[in-house]
Amino acid sequence: MNMSPSRPVGEGLADELALAFAPIHKRALGVAVGVMVGLAVFLVTAVSVLRADPPEIIFLLHYFLPGHEVTWFGAVKGAVGAGFAAFVGAWFLAFCRNFVLAASVWIARTRAELAQTHDFLDHI
């Protein structure tokens, strides 16, 4: 078994770091999470409509999702409301992550530049 690396250590590290620090696409994350949450609410409500005796907990969704009822039309209204709320939440989460990451990189870069010019500023 050959244990030697196929490329030198550190080569390709910049590509991996660029991928790790890449910003999250806010709209794509929002749409993905919104569609999945909306679909989940619709399916849970649809199963409750089809059951003869729906569980009591499904009726509590109308407190969180205005217009949600245990009917087919209520399932659609609840899915749209939940999907929109999930879109906004996921968009905001991606925005905050991108902002914190950009600020952290900026702080690290500024500290590194100050450390490099520390000697220069001492001689002035």
C-alpha atoms as a PDB file:
ATOM      1  CA  MET A   1       0.000   0.000   0.000  1.00  0.00           C
ATOM      2  CA  ASN A   2       1.467   3.322  -1.089  1.00  0.00           C
ATOM      3  CA  MET A   3       1.163   5.909   1.702  1.00  0.00           C
ATOM      4  CA  SER A   4       2.915   8.760  -0.114  1.00  0.00           C
ATOM      5  CA  PRO A   5       0.640  11.624  -1.128  1.00  0.00           C
ATOM      6  CA  SER A   6       0.015  12.082  -4.827  1.00  0.00           C
ATOM      7  CA  ARG A   7       0.667  15.812  -4.525  1.00  0.00           C
ATOM      8  CA  PRO A   8       2.709  17.943  -2.145  1.00  0.00           C
ATOM      9  CA  VAL A   9       1.140  18.993   1.145  1.00  0.00           C
ATOM     10  CA  GLY A  10      -0.508  22.390   0.815  1.00  0.00           C
ATOM     11  CA  GLU A  11      -1.112  22.157  -2.908  1.00  0.00           C
ATOM     12  CA  GLY A  12      -4.803  22.591  -3.508  1.00  0.00           C
ATOM     13  CA  LEU A  13      -5.271  23.940   0.003  1.00  0.00           C
ATOM     14  CA  ALA A  14      -6.220  27.327  -1.404  1.00  0.00           C
ATOM     15  CA  ASP A  15      -9.008  25.705  -3.428  1.00  0.00           C
ATOM     16  CA  GLU A  16     -10.336  23.897  -0.368  1.00  0.00           C
ATOM     17  CA  LEU A  17     -10.191  27.056   1.752  1.00  0.00           C
ATOM     18  CA  ALA A  18     -11.920  29.069  -0.957  1.00  0.00           C
ATOM     19  CA  LEU A  19     -14.695  26.483  -0.989  1.00  0.00           C
ATOM     20  CA  ALA A  20     -14.960  26.464   2.820  1.00  0.00           C
ATOM     21  CA  PHE A  21     -15.174  30.255   3.015  1.00  0.00           C
ATOM     22  CA  ALA A  22     -17.447  30.688   0.007  1.00  0.00           C
ATOM     23  CA  PRO A  23     -20.622  32.614   0.778  1.00  0.00           C
ATOM     24  CA  ILE A  24     -23.897  30.739   0.905  1.00  0.00           C
ATOM     25  CA  HIS A  25     -26.370  31.729  -1.805  1.00  0.00           C
ATOM     26  CA  LYS A  26     -29.162  33.263   0.232  1.00  0.00           C
ATOM     27  CA  ARG A  27     -31.987  32.897  -2.279  1.00  0.00           C
ATOM     28  CA  ALA A  28     -31.115  29.276  -3.108  1.00  0.00           C
ATOM     29  CA  LEU A  29     -31.033  28.275   0.554  1.00  0.00           C
ATOM     30  CA  GLY A  30     -34.282  30.133   1.220  1.00  0.00           C
ATOM     31  CA  VAL A  31     -36.088  28.478  -1.684  1.00  0.00           C
ATOM     32  CA  ALA A  32     -34.808  25.006  -0.773  1.00  0.00           C
ATOM     33  CA  VAL A  33     -35.793  25.259   2.887  1.00  0.00           C
ATOM     34  CA  GLY A  34     -39.090  27.004   2.077  1.00  0.00           C
ATOM     35  CA  VAL A  35     -40.135  24.331  -0.407  1.00  0.00           C
ATOM     36  CA  MET A  36     -39.257  21.509   1.967  1.00  0.00           C
ATOM     37  CA  VAL A  37     -41.061  23.029   4.958  1.00  0.00           C
ATOM     38  CA  GLY A  38     -44.097  23.927   2.845  1.00  0.00           C
ATOM     39  CA  LEU A  39     -44.222  20.416   1.442  1.00  0.00           C
ATOM     40  CA  ALA A  40     -43.914  18.924   4.925  1.00  0.00           C
ATOM     41  CA  VAL A  41     -46.800  21.036   6.264  1.00  0.00           C
ATOM     42  CA  PHE A  42     -48.930  20.137   3.254  1.00  0.00           C
ATOM     43  CA  LEU A  43     -48.216  16.406   3.624  1.00  0.00           C
ATOM     44  CA  VAL A  44     -48.885  16.382   7.357  1.00  0.00           C
ATOM     45  CA  THR A  45     -52.165  18.220   6.842  1.00  0.00           C
ATOM     46  CA  ALA A  46     -53.147  16.027   3.875  1.00  0.00           C
ATOM     47  CA  VAL A  47     -52.551  12.869   5.899  1.00  0.00           C
ATOM     48  CA  SER A  48     -54.639  14.348   8.712  1.00  0.00           C
ATOM     49  CA  VAL A  49     -57.455  15.146   6.257  1.00  0.00           C
ATOM     50  CA  LEU A  50     -57.415  11.580   4.945  1.00  0.00           C
ATOM     51  CA  ARG A  51     -57.482  10.030   8.416  1.00  0.00           C
ATOM     52  CA  ALA A  52     -60.860   9.532   9.996  1.00  0.00           C
ATOM     53  CA  ASP A  53     -59.652  10.838  13.355  1.00  0.00           C
ATOM     54  CA  PRO A  54     -56.851  13.421  12.917  1.00  0.00           C
ATOM     55  CA  PRO A  55     -54.532  13.941  15.894  1.00  0.00           C
ATOM     56  CA  GLU A  56     -55.294  16.899  18.144  1.00  0.00           C
ATOM     57  CA  ILE A  57     -51.841  18.415  17.691  1.00  0.00           C
ATOM     58  CA  ILE A  58     -52.465  19.222  14.009  1.00  0.00           C
ATOM     59  CA  PHE A  59     -55.132  21.719  15.032  1.00  0.00           C
ATOM     60  CA  LEU A  60     -52.477  23.758  16.873  1.00  0.00           C
ATOM     61  CA  LEU A  61     -50.866  24.767  13.580  1.00  0.00           C
ATOM     62  CA  HIS A  62     -53.440  27.512  13.077  1.00  0.00           C
ATOM     63  CA  TYR A  63     -51.786  29.411  15.950  1.00  0.00           C
ATOM     64  CA  PHE A  64     -48.535  29.574  13.974  1.00  0.00           C
ATOM     65  CA  LEU A  65     -49.862  29.612  10.418  1.00  0.00           C
ATOM     66  CA  PRO A  66     -52.760  32.000   9.800  1.00  0.00           C
ATOM     67  CA  GLY A  67     -55.403  30.417   7.595  1.00  0.00           C
ATOM     68  CA  HIS A  68     -54.314  26.842   8.298  1.00  0.00           C
ATOM     69  CA  GLU A  69     -57.186  24.415   8.741  1.00  0.00           C
ATOM     70  CA  VAL A  70     -57.439  20.655   8.496  1.00  0.00           C
ATOM     71  CA  THR A  71     -58.944  20.827   5.009  1.00  0.00           C
ATOM     72  CA  TRP A  72     -57.441  20.641   1.532  1.00  0.00           C
ATOM     73  CA  PHE A  73     -57.637  24.394   1.088  1.00  0.00           C
ATOM     74  CA  GLY A  74     -56.214  24.905   4.583  1.00  0.00           C
ATOM     75  CA  ALA A  75     -53.357  22.562   3.716  1.00  0.00           C
ATOM     76  CA  VAL A  76     -52.448  24.730   0.730  1.00  0.00           C
ATOM     77  CA  LYS A  77     -52.734  27.966   2.725  1.00  0.00           C
ATOM     78  CA  GLY A  78     -50.649  26.498   5.544  1.00  0.00           C
ATOM     79  CA  ALA A  79     -48.019  25.225   3.126  1.00  0.00           C
ATOM     80  CA  VAL A  80     -47.692  28.648   1.491  1.00  0.00           C
ATOM     81  CA  GLY A  81     -47.438  30.396   4.857  1.00  0.00           C
ATOM     82  CA  ALA A  82     -44.937  27.921   6.260  1.00  0.00           C
ATOM     83  CA  GLY A  83     -42.894  27.990   3.052  1.00  0.00           C
ATOM     84  CA  PHE A  84     -42.708  31.784   3.105  1.00  0.00           C
ATOM     85  CA  ALA A  85     -41.732  31.877   6.782  1.00  0.00           C
ATOM     86  CA  ALA A  86     -39.067  29.217   6.218  1.00  0.00           C
ATOM     87  CA  PHE A  87     -37.738  31.120   3.178  1.00  0.00           C
ATOM     88  CA  VAL A  88     -37.349  34.304   5.208  1.00  0.00           C
ATOM     89  CA  GLY A  89     -35.714  32.459   8.104  1.00  0.00           C
ATOM     90  CA  ALA A  90     -33.250  30.576   5.910  1.00  0.00           C
ATOM     91  CA  TRP A  91     -32.421  33.722   3.903  1.00  0.00           C
ATOM     92  CA  PHE A  92     -31.690  35.615   7.110  1.00  0.00           C
ATOM     93  CA  LEU A  93     -29.596  32.744   8.490  1.00  0.00           C
ATOM     94  CA  ALA A  94     -27.484  32.666   5.303  1.00  0.00           C
ATOM     95  CA  PHE A  95     -27.150  36.464   5.409  1.00  0.00           C
ATOM     96  CA  CYS A  96     -25.917  36.381   9.013  1.00  0.00           C
ATOM     97  CA  ARG A  97     -23.469  33.547   8.283  1.00  0.00           C
ATOM     98  CA  ASN A  98     -22.074  35.360   5.247  1.00  0.00           C
ATOM     99  CA  PHE A  99     -21.747  38.607   7.200  1.00  0.00           C
ATOM    100  CA  VAL A 100     -19.994  37.001  10.177  1.00  0.00           C
ATOM    101  CA  LEU A 101     -17.656  35.083   7.890  1.00  0.00           C
ATOM    102  CA  ALA A 102     -16.775  38.207   5.883  1.00  0.00           C
ATOM    103  CA  ALA A 103     -16.190  40.202   9.054  1.00  0.00           C
ATOM    104  CA  SER A 104     -13.984  37.448  10.494  1.00  0.00           C
ATOM    105  CA  VAL A 105     -11.883  37.263   7.345  1.00  0.00           C
ATOM    106  CA  TRP A 106     -11.571  41.053   7.287  1.00  0.00           C
ATOM    107  CA  ILE A 107     -10.445  41.141  10.934  1.00  0.00           C
ATOM    108  CA  ALA A 108      -7.915  38.355  10.386  1.00  0.00           C
ATOM    109  CA  ARG A 109      -6.535  40.041   7.261  1.00  0.00           C
ATOM    110  CA  THR A 110      -6.281  43.413   9.013  1.00  0.00           C
ATOM    111  CA  ARG A 111      -4.452  41.891  11.982  1.00  0.00           C
ATOM    112  CA  ALA A 112      -2.023  40.122   9.654  1.00  0.00           C
ATOM    113  CA  GLU A 113      -1.320  43.345   7.742  1.00  0.00           C
ATOM    114  CA  LEU A 114      -0.744  45.238  10.995  1.00  0.00           C
ATOM    115  CA  ALA A 115       1.608  42.513  12.207  1.00  0.00           C
ATOM    116  CA  GLN A 116       3.621  42.784   8.974  1.00  0.00           C
ATOM    117  CA  THR A 117       3.928  46.555   9.199  1.00  0.00           C
ATOM    118  CA  HIS A 118       4.618  46.626  12.933  1.00  0.00           C
ATOM    119  CA  ASP A 119       8.399  47.103  12.463  1.00  0.00           C
ATOM    120  CA  PHE A 120       7.858  49.782   9.864  1.00  0.00           C
ATOM    121  CA  LEU A 121       5.677  51.828  12.162  1.00  0.00           C
ATOM    122  CA  ASP A 122       8.278  51.560  14.978  1.00  0.00           C
ATOM    123  CA  HIS A 123      10.929  53.289  12.835  1.00  0.00           C
ATOM    124  CA  ILE A 124       8.830  56.329  12.019  1.00  0.00           C
END
